[in-house]
PDB file of N, CA and C in Angstrom:
ATOM      1  N   MET A   1     -24.073 -10.621 -27.040  1.00  0.00           N
ATOM      2  CA  MET A   1     -23.547  -9.469 -27.565  1.00  0.00           C
ATOM      3  C   MET A   1     -22.625  -8.817 -26.632  1.00  0.00           C
ATOM      4  N   ASN A   2     -21.275  -8.203 -27.002  1.00  0.00           N
ATOM      5  CA  ASN A   2     -20.531  -7.496 -26.119  1.00  0.00           C
ATOM      6  C   ASN A   2     -20.488  -6.180 -26.376  1.00  0.00           C
ATOM      7  N   TYR A   3     -20.022  -5.542 -25.191  1.00  0.00           N
ATOM      8  CA  TYR A   3     -19.736  -4.128 -25.252  1.00  0.00           C
ATOM      9  C   TYR A   3     -18.472  -3.651 -25.953  1.00  0.00           C
ATOM     10  N   LYS A   4     -18.369  -3.008 -26.822  1.00  0.00           N
ATOM     11  CA  LYS A   4     -17.251  -2.745 -27.465  1.00  0.00           C
ATOM     12  C   LYS A   4     -16.496  -1.452 -27.308  1.00  0.00           C
ATOM     13  N   ASN A   5     -17.110  -0.218 -26.490  1.00  0.00           N
ATOM     14  CA  ASN A   5     -16.352   0.820 -26.288  1.00  0.00           C
ATOM     15  C   ASN A   5     -15.532   0.383 -25.036  1.00  0.00           C
ATOM     16  N   PRO A   6     -14.210   0.719 -24.931  1.00  0.00           N
ATOM     17  CA  PRO A   6     -13.306   0.683 -23.698  1.00  0.00           C
ATOM     18  C   PRO A   6     -13.880   1.600 -22.853  1.00  0.00           C
ATOM     19  N   ILE A   7     -13.989   1.467 -21.270  1.00  0.00           N
ATOM     20  CA  ILE A   7     -14.304   2.147 -20.354  1.00  0.00           C
ATOM     21  C   ILE A   7     -12.919   2.759 -19.703  1.00  0.00           C
ATOM     22  N   ASN A   8     -12.629   3.896 -19.280  1.00  0.00           N
ATOM     23  CA  ASN A   8     -11.457   4.602 -18.460  1.00  0.00           C
ATOM     24  C   ASN A   8     -12.114   4.122 -17.019  1.00  0.00           C
ATOM     25  N   HIS A   9     -11.291   3.982 -16.249  1.00  0.00           N
ATOM     26  CA  HIS A   9     -11.834   3.828 -14.899  1.00  0.00           C
ATOM     27  C   HIS A   9     -10.578   4.032 -13.777  1.00  0.00           C
ATOM     28  N   ASN A  10     -10.781   4.646 -12.636  1.00  0.00           N
ATOM     29  CA  ASN A  10      -9.765   4.866 -11.773  1.00  0.00           C
ATOM     30  C   ASN A  10     -10.211   4.389 -10.347  1.00  0.00           C
ATOM     31  N   CYS A  11      -9.327   3.739  -9.936  1.00  0.00           N
ATOM     32  CA  CYS A  11      -9.831   3.220  -8.240  1.00  0.00           C
ATOM     33  C   CYS A  11      -8.638   2.809  -7.527  1.00  0.00           C
ATOM     34  N   ASN A  12      -8.636   2.802  -6.461  1.00  0.00           N
ATOM     35  CA  ASN A  12      -7.455   2.100  -5.236  1.00  0.00           C
ATOM     36  C   ASN A  12      -7.553   0.502  -5.217  1.00  0.00           C
ATOM     37  N   ILE A  13      -6.494   0.006  -5.368  1.00  0.00           N
ATOM     38  CA  ILE A  13      -6.359  -1.507  -5.711  1.00  0.00           C
ATOM     39  C   ILE A  13      -5.228  -2.028  -4.543  1.00  0.00           C
ATOM     40  N   LYS A  14      -5.744  -2.515  -3.742  1.00  0.00           N
ATOM     41  CA  LYS A  14      -4.509  -3.452  -2.694  1.00  0.00           C
ATOM     42  C   LYS A  14      -4.055  -4.614  -3.487  1.00  0.00           C
ATOM     43  N   CYS A  15      -2.751  -4.675  -3.477  1.00  0.00           N
ATOM     44  CA  CYS A  15      -1.858  -5.772  -4.112  1.00  0.00           C
ATOM     45  C   CYS A  15      -2.328  -6.950  -3.161  1.00  0.00           C
ATOM     46  N   PRO A  16      -2.596  -8.139  -3.539  1.00  0.00           N
ATOM     47  CA  PRO A  16      -2.691  -9.267  -2.654  1.00  0.00           C
ATOM     48  C   PRO A  16      -1.565  -9.881  -2.224  1.00  0.00           C
ATOM     49  N   LYS A  17      -0.471  -9.463  -2.761  1.00  0.00           N
ATOM     50  CA  LYS A  17       0.719  -9.977  -2.480  1.00  0.00           C
ATOM     51  C   LYS A  17       1.601  -9.167  -1.425  1.00  0.00           C
ATOM     52  N   CYS A  18       1.795  -7.804  -1.726  1.00  0.00           N
ATOM     53  CA  CYS A  18       2.591  -6.970  -0.585  1.00  0.00           C
ATOM     54  C   CYS A  18       1.497  -6.290  -0.124  1.00  0.00           C
ATOM     55  N   ASN A  19       0.252  -6.305  -0.101  1.00  0.00           N
ATOM     56  CA  ASN A  19      -0.696  -5.420   0.570  1.00  0.00           C
ATOM     57  C   ASN A  19      -0.816  -3.951   0.236  1.00  0.00           C
ATOM     58  N   HIS A  20       0.359  -3.416  -0.367  1.00  0.00           N
ATOM     59  CA  HIS A  20       0.283  -2.047  -0.820  1.00  0.00           C
ATOM     60  C   HIS A  20      -0.838  -1.818  -1.584  1.00  0.00           C
ATOM     61  N   THR A  21      -1.458  -0.535  -1.170  1.00  0.00           N
ATOM     62  CA  THR A  21      -2.688  -0.067  -1.978  1.00  0.00           C
ATOM     63  C   THR A  21      -2.227   1.274  -2.818  1.00  0.00           C
ATOM     64  N   TYR A  22      -2.528   1.166  -3.977  1.00  0.00           N
ATOM     65  CA  TYR A  22      -2.323   2.384  -4.917  1.00  0.00           C
ATOM     66  C   TYR A  22      -3.287   2.796  -5.773  1.00  0.00           C
ATOM     67  N   SER A  23      -3.433   3.874  -6.337  1.00  0.00           N
ATOM     68  CA  SER A  23      -4.507   4.325  -7.235  1.00  0.00           C
ATOM     69  C   SER A  23      -4.049   3.862  -8.767  1.00  0.00           C
ATOM     70  N   TYR A  24      -5.120   3.074  -9.366  1.00  0.00           N
ATOM     71  CA  TYR A  24      -4.524   2.848 -10.781  1.00  0.00           C
ATOM     72  C   TYR A  24      -5.845   3.541 -11.715  1.00  0.00           C
ATOM     73  N   ASP A  25      -5.218   4.266 -12.634  1.00  0.00           N
ATOM     74  CA  ASP A  25      -5.978   4.277 -13.910  1.00  0.00           C
ATOM     75  C   ASP A  25      -5.981   3.214 -15.008  1.00  0.00           C
ATOM     76  N   PHE A  26      -6.919   2.619 -15.296  1.00  0.00           N
ATOM     77  CA  PHE A  26      -6.872   1.517 -16.601  1.00  0.00           C
ATOM     78  C   PHE A  26      -8.119   1.509 -17.159  1.00  0.00           C
ATOM     79  N   LYS A  27      -7.925   0.769 -18.334  1.00  0.00           N
ATOM     80  CA  LYS A  27      -8.891   0.783 -19.214  1.00  0.00           C
ATOM     81  C   LYS A  27      -9.655  -0.526 -19.396  1.00  0.00           C
ATOM     82  N   ILE A  28     -10.745  -0.812 -19.388  1.00  0.00           N
ATOM     83  CA  ILE A  28     -11.560  -1.825 -19.139  1.00  0.00           C
ATOM     84  C   ILE A  28     -11.916  -2.143 -20.572  1.00  0.00           C
ATOM     85  N   GLU A  29     -11.707  -3.291 -21.262  1.00  0.00           N
ATOM     86  CA  GLU A  29     -12.132  -3.655 -22.350  1.00  0.00           C
ATOM     87  C   GLU A  29     -12.451  -5.183 -22.584  1.00  0.00           C
ATOM     88  N   ASP A  30     -13.177  -5.360 -23.656  1.00  0.00           N
ATOM     89  CA  ASP A  30     -13.539  -6.758 -23.975  1.00  0.00           C
ATOM     90  C   ASP A  30     -14.770  -7.427 -22.967  1.00  0.00           C
ATOM     91  N   LEU A  31     -15.608  -6.422 -22.626  1.00  0.00           N
ATOM     92  CA  LEU A  31     -16.769  -6.684 -21.798  1.00  0.00           C
ATOM     93  C   LEU A  31     -17.864  -7.609 -22.500  1.00  0.00           C
ATOM     94  N   LYS A  32     -18.106  -8.760 -21.799  1.00  0.00           N
ATOM     95  CA  LYS A  32     -18.927  -9.793 -21.984  1.00  0.00           C
ATOM     96  C   LYS A  32     -20.298  -9.583 -21.303  1.00  0.00           C
ATOM     97  N   LYS A  33     -20.924  -9.459 -22.129  1.00  0.00           N
ATOM     98  CA  LYS A  33     -22.638  -9.536 -21.163  1.00  0.00           C
ATOM     99  C   LYS A  33     -22.790 -10.608 -20.604  1.00  0.00           C
ATOM    100  N   THR A  34     -23.684 -10.322 -19.421  1.00  0.00           N
ATOM    101  CA  THR A  34     -24.151 -11.282 -18.605  1.00  0.00           C
ATOM    102  C   THR A  34     -25.516 -11.505 -18.731  1.00  0.00           C
ATOM    103  N   THR A  35     -26.092 -12.185 -17.904  1.00  0.00           N
ATOM    104  CA  THR A  35     -28.006 -12.340 -18.001  1.00  0.00           C
ATOM    105  C   THR A  35     -28.495 -11.047 -17.242  1.00  0.00           C
ATOM    106  N   ASN A  36     -29.280 -10.535 -17.647  1.00  0.00           N
ATOM    107  CA  ASN A  36     -30.194  -9.250 -17.216  1.00  0.00           C
ATOM    108  C   ASN A  36     -31.215  -9.952 -16.370  1.00  0.00           C
ATOM    109  N   LYS A  37     -31.741  -8.928 -15.070  1.00  0.00           N
ATOM    110  CA  LYS A  37     -32.791  -9.144 -14.400  1.00  0.00           C
ATOM    111  C   LYS A  37     -34.114  -8.736 -15.537  1.00  0.00           C
ATOM    112  N   ILE A  38     -35.401  -9.554 -15.342  1.00  0.00           N
ATOM    113  CA  ILE A  38     -36.326  -9.643 -15.998  1.00  0.00           C
ATOM    114  C   ILE A  38     -36.842  -8.191 -16.118  1.00  0.00           C
ATOM    115  N   GLY A  39     -36.940  -7.437 -16.907  1.00  0.00           N
ATOM    116  CA  GLY A  39     -37.720  -6.329 -17.064  1.00  0.00           C
ATOM    117  C   GLY A  39     -36.418  -5.201 -16.720  1.00  0.00           C
ATOM    118  N   SER A  40     -35.405  -5.307 -16.662  1.00  0.00           N
ATOM    119  CA  SER A  40     -34.302  -4.261 -16.357  1.00  0.00           C
ATOM    120  C   SER A  40     -33.913  -3.706 -17.689  1.00  0.00           C
ATOM    121  N   VAL A  41     -33.587  -2.111 -17.812  1.00  0.00           N
ATOM    122  CA  VAL A  41     -33.242  -1.496 -18.964  1.00  0.00           C
ATOM    123  C   VAL A  41     -31.837  -1.413 -18.994  1.00  0.00           C
ATOM    124  N   GLU A  42     -31.155  -1.941 -18.100  1.00  0.00           N
ATOM    125  CA  GLU A  42     -29.765  -1.600 -17.894  1.00  0.00           C
ATOM    126  C   GLU A  42     -29.204  -3.256 -18.308  1.00  0.00           C
ATOM    127  N   ASN A  43     -28.169  -3.116 -18.870  1.00  0.00           N
ATOM    128  CA  ASN A  43     -27.303  -4.002 -19.044  1.00  0.00           C
ATOM    129  C   ASN A  43     -26.018  -4.437 -18.485  1.00  0.00           C
ATOM    130  N   SER A  44     -25.843  -5.763 -17.878  1.00  0.00           N
ATOM    131  CA  SER A  44     -24.447  -5.916 -17.154  1.00  0.00           C
ATOM    132  C   SER A  44     -23.496  -6.782 -18.065  1.00  0.00           C
ATOM    133  N   TYR A  45     -22.397  -6.147 -17.874  1.00  0.00           N
ATOM    134  CA  TYR A  45     -21.184  -6.812 -18.643  1.00  0.00           C
ATOM    135  C   TYR A  45     -20.020  -7.240 -17.735  1.00  0.00           C
ATOM    136  N   GLU A  46     -19.503  -8.364 -17.789  1.00  0.00           N
ATOM    137  CA  GLU A  46     -18.403  -8.578 -16.702  1.00  0.00           C
ATOM    138  C   GLU A  46     -16.869  -8.370 -17.673  1.00  0.00           C
ATOM    139  N   PHE A  47     -15.905  -8.106 -16.985  1.00  0.00           N
ATOM    140  CA  PHE A  47     -14.737  -8.041 -17.500  1.00  0.00           C
ATOM    141  C   PHE A  47     -13.757  -8.836 -16.580  1.00  0.00           C
ATOM    142  N   LEU A  48     -12.337  -8.874 -17.319  1.00  0.00           N
ATOM    143  CA  LEU A  48     -11.250  -9.292 -16.731  1.00  0.00           C
ATOM    144  C   LEU A  48     -10.071  -8.677 -17.203  1.00  0.00           C
ATOM    145  N   THR A  49      -9.531  -7.929 -16.355  1.00  0.00           N
ATOM    146  CA  THR A  49      -8.049  -7.385 -16.565  1.00  0.00           C
ATOM    147  C   THR A  49      -6.977  -7.725 -15.742  1.00  0.00           C
ATOM    148  N   TYR A  50      -5.567  -7.101 -16.138  1.00  0.00           N
ATOM    149  CA  TYR A  50      -4.613  -7.234 -15.297  1.00  0.00           C
ATOM    150  C   TYR A  50      -4.008  -5.968 -15.110  1.00  0.00           C
ATOM    151  N   LEU A  51      -3.259  -6.088 -13.869  1.00  0.00           N
ATOM    152  CA  LEU A  51      -2.635  -4.718 -13.872  1.00  0.00           C
ATOM    153  C   LEU A  51      -1.311  -5.273 -12.942  1.00  0.00           C
ATOM    154  N   ILE A  52      -0.187  -4.406 -13.162  1.00  0.00           N
ATOM    155  CA  ILE A  52       0.859  -4.863 -12.313  1.00  0.00           C
ATOM    156  C   ILE A  52       1.035  -3.973 -11.123  1.00  0.00           C
ATOM    157  N   CYS A  53       1.349  -4.673 -10.143  1.00  0.00           N
ATOM    158  CA  CYS A  53       1.554  -3.658  -8.951  1.00  0.00           C
ATOM    159  C   CYS A  53       2.633  -2.607  -8.911  1.00  0.00           C
ATOM    160  N   LYS A  54       2.332  -1.602  -8.469  1.00  0.00           N
ATOM    161  CA  LYS A  54       3.370  -0.364  -8.607  1.00  0.00           C
ATOM    162  C   LYS A  54       4.443  -0.471  -7.516  1.00  0.00           C
ATOM    163  N   ASN A  55       4.284  -1.284  -6.594  1.00  0.00           N
ATOM    164  CA  ASN A  55       5.515  -1.418  -5.888  1.00  0.00           C
ATOM    165  C   ASN A  55       6.767  -1.779  -6.486  1.00  0.00           C
ATOM    166  N   PRO A  56       7.933  -1.261  -6.595  1.00  0.00           N
ATOM    167  CA  PRO A  56       9.026  -1.725  -7.340  1.00  0.00           C
ATOM    168  C   PRO A  56       9.532  -2.965  -6.750  1.00  0.00           C
ATOM    169  N   LEU A  57       9.257  -3.242  -5.406  1.00  0.00           N
ATOM    170  CA  LEU A  57       9.854  -4.522  -4.929  1.00  0.00           C
ATOM    171  C   LEU A  57       9.005  -5.418  -5.054  1.00  0.00           C
ATOM    172  N   CYS A  58       7.690  -5.452  -5.861  1.00  0.00           N
ATOM    173  CA  CYS A  58       6.671  -6.692  -5.798  1.00  0.00           C
ATOM    174  C   CYS A  58       6.680  -6.722  -7.322  1.00  0.00           C
ATOM    175  N   ASN A  59       6.146  -5.970  -8.033  1.00  0.00           N
ATOM    176  CA  ASN A  59       5.708  -6.036  -9.538  1.00  0.00           C
ATOM    177  C   ASN A  59       4.630  -7.271  -9.712  1.00  0.00           C
ATOM    178  N   TYR A  60       3.743  -7.555  -8.853  1.00  0.00           N
ATOM    179  CA  TYR A  60       2.988  -8.714  -8.821  1.00  0.00           C
ATOM    180  C   TYR A  60       1.895  -8.475  -9.985  1.00  0.00           C
ATOM    181  N   ASP A  61       1.449  -9.424 -10.535  1.00  0.00           N
ATOM    182  CA  ASP A  61       0.476  -9.452 -11.825  1.00  0.00           C
ATOM    183  C   ASP A  61      -0.762  -9.765 -10.932  1.00  0.00           C
ATOM    184  N   ILE A  62      -1.581  -8.471 -11.072  1.00  0.00           N
ATOM    185  CA  ILE A  62      -2.686  -8.653 -10.314  1.00  0.00           C
ATOM    186  C   ILE A  62      -3.903  -8.586 -11.473  1.00  0.00           C
ATOM    187  N   GLU A  63      -4.782  -9.869 -11.199  1.00  0.00           N
ATOM    188  CA  GLU A  63      -6.000 -10.015 -11.704  1.00  0.00           C
ATOM    189  C   GLU A  63      -7.076  -9.359 -11.320  1.00  0.00           C
ATOM    190  N   ILE A  64      -7.973  -8.727 -12.108  1.00  0.00           N
ATOM    191  CA  ILE A  64      -9.094  -8.055 -11.672  1.00  0.00           C
ATOM    192  C   ILE A  64     -10.395  -8.490 -12.458  1.00  0.00           C
ATOM    193  N   LYS A  65     -11.174  -8.884 -11.601  1.00  0.00           N
ATOM    194  CA  LYS A  65     -12.686  -9.564 -12.342  1.00  0.00           C
ATOM    195  C   LYS A  65     -13.583  -8.119 -11.600  1.00  0.00           C
ATOM    196  N   GLY A  66     -14.655  -7.981 -12.612  1.00  0.00           N
ATOM    197  CA  GLY A  66     -15.539  -6.911 -12.144  1.00  0.00           C
ATOM    198  C   GLY A  66     -16.922  -7.067 -13.096  1.00  0.00           C
ATOM    199  N   GLU A  67     -17.730  -6.216 -12.634  1.00  0.00           N
ATOM    200  CA  GLU A  67     -18.761  -5.971 -13.625  1.00  0.00           C
ATOM    201  C   GLU A  67     -19.158  -4.742 -13.923  1.00  0.00           C
ATOM    202  N   ALA A  68     -19.541  -4.203 -15.283  1.00  0.00           N
ATOM    203  CA  ALA A  68     -20.123  -2.962 -15.551  1.00  0.00           C
ATOM    204  C   ALA A  68     -21.695  -3.053 -16.009  1.00  0.00           C
ATOM    205  N   ILE A  69     -22.234  -1.757 -15.228  1.00  0.00           N
ATOM    206  CA  ILE A  69     -23.609  -1.814 -15.629  1.00  0.00           C
ATOM    207  C   ILE A  69     -23.815  -0.478 -16.594  1.00  0.00           C
ATOM    208  N   VAL A  70     -24.429  -0.657 -17.586  1.00  0.00           N
ATOM    209  CA  VAL A  70     -24.784   0.200 -18.741  1.00  0.00           C
ATOM    210  C   VAL A  70     -26.128   0.447 -18.950  1.00  0.00           C
ATOM    211  N   ASN A  71     -26.491   1.597 -19.183  1.00  0.00           N
ATOM    212  CA  ASN A  71     -27.899   2.139 -19.012  1.00  0.00           C
ATOM    213  C   ASN A  71     -28.468   1.801 -20.730  1.00  0.00           C
ATOM    214  N   SER A  72     -29.889   2.001 -20.543  1.00  0.00           N
ATOM    215  CA  SER A  72     -30.377   1.693 -22.054  1.00  0.00           C
ATOM    216  C   SER A  72     -29.776   2.679 -23.027  1.00  0.00           C
ATOM    217  N   SER A  73     -29.098   3.895 -22.890  1.00  0.00           N
ATOM    218  CA  SER A  73     -28.566   4.969 -23.948  1.00  0.00           C
ATOM    219  C   SER A  73     -26.804   4.464 -24.292  1.00  0.00           C
ATOM    220  N   ASN A  74     -26.578   3.091 -23.508  1.00  0.00           N
ATOM    221  CA  ASN A  74     -25.432   2.643 -23.751  1.00  0.00           C
ATOM    222  C   ASN A  74     -24.567   3.439 -23.070  1.00  0.00           C
ATOM    223  N   ILE A  75     -24.280   3.917 -21.927  1.00  0.00           N
ATOM    224  CA  ILE A  75     -23.530   4.748 -21.024  1.00  0.00           C
ATOM    225  C   ILE A  75     -23.422   3.981 -19.900  1.00  0.00           C
ATOM    226  N   PRO A  76     -22.156   3.755 -19.634  1.00  0.00           N
ATOM    227  CA  PRO A  76     -21.756   3.033 -18.225  1.00  0.00           C
ATOM    228  C   PRO A  76     -22.377   3.874 -16.968  1.00  0.00           C
ATOM    229  N   ASP A  77     -23.012   3.066 -16.265  1.00  0.00           N
ATOM    230  CA  ASP A  77     -23.696   3.517 -14.919  1.00  0.00           C
ATOM    231  C   ASP A  77     -22.810   3.495 -14.070  1.00  0.00           C
ATOM    232  N   SER A  78     -22.004   2.094 -13.759  1.00  0.00           N
ATOM    233  CA  SER A  78     -21.440   1.811 -12.437  1.00  0.00           C
ATOM    234  C   SER A  78     -20.552   0.629 -13.152  1.00  0.00           C
ATOM    235  N   ILE A  79     -18.981   0.483 -12.242  1.00  0.00           N
ATOM    236  CA  ILE A  79     -18.206  -0.362 -12.270  1.00  0.00           C
ATOM    237  C   ILE A  79     -17.995  -1.067 -10.816  1.00  0.00           C
ATOM    238  N   LYS A  80     -18.111  -2.206 -10.907  1.00  0.00           N
ATOM    239  CA  LYS A  80     -17.943  -2.916  -9.553  1.00  0.00           C
ATOM    240  C   LYS A  80     -16.970  -4.062  -9.588  1.00  0.00           C
ATOM    241  N   ILE A  81     -15.958  -3.683  -8.755  1.00  0.00           N
ATOM    242  CA  ILE A  81     -14.800  -5.072  -8.722  1.00  0.00           C
ATOM    243  C   ILE A  81     -15.417  -6.168  -8.001  1.00  0.00           C
ATOM    244  N   ILE A  82     -15.286  -7.356  -8.560  1.00  0.00           N
ATOM    245  CA  ILE A  82     -15.762  -8.521  -7.756  1.00  0.00           C
ATOM    246  C   ILE A  82     -14.634  -9.153  -7.059  1.00  0.00           C
ATOM    247  N   SER A  83     -13.635  -9.422  -7.888  1.00  0.00           N
ATOM    248  CA  SER A  83     -12.456 -10.182  -7.187  1.00  0.00           C
ATOM    249  C   SER A  83     -11.148  -9.321  -7.526  1.00  0.00           C
ATOM    250  N   ILE A  84     -10.215  -9.673  -6.361  1.00  0.00           N
ATOM    251  CA  ILE A  84      -8.750  -9.253  -7.030  1.00  0.00           C
ATOM    252  C   ILE A  84      -7.856 -10.374  -6.323  1.00  0.00           C
ATOM    253  N   LYS A  85      -7.087 -10.813  -7.186  1.00  0.00           N
ATOM    254  CA  LYS A  85      -6.214 -11.918  -6.989  1.00  0.00           C
ATOM    255  C   LYS A  85      -4.756 -11.586  -7.494  1.00  0.00           C
TER     256      LYS A  85
END
């Protein structure tokens, strides 16, 4: 089962190409459910999204992989960025 509601998120991201850090507001969509710990009431979902570096001299296409934890009321508890490429 996938999580259908988009999640708005804001965080600082460092471009892997030019090393500039910027604040990004982005929408996380198409979250896919991952395995839960036994007895956990929270659900874990993974996501993959892309951003464009805000440095006008770079414009690198940044790949963001992460995980969202959603509680039993179907409300996001936390967002964790796993990798930035």
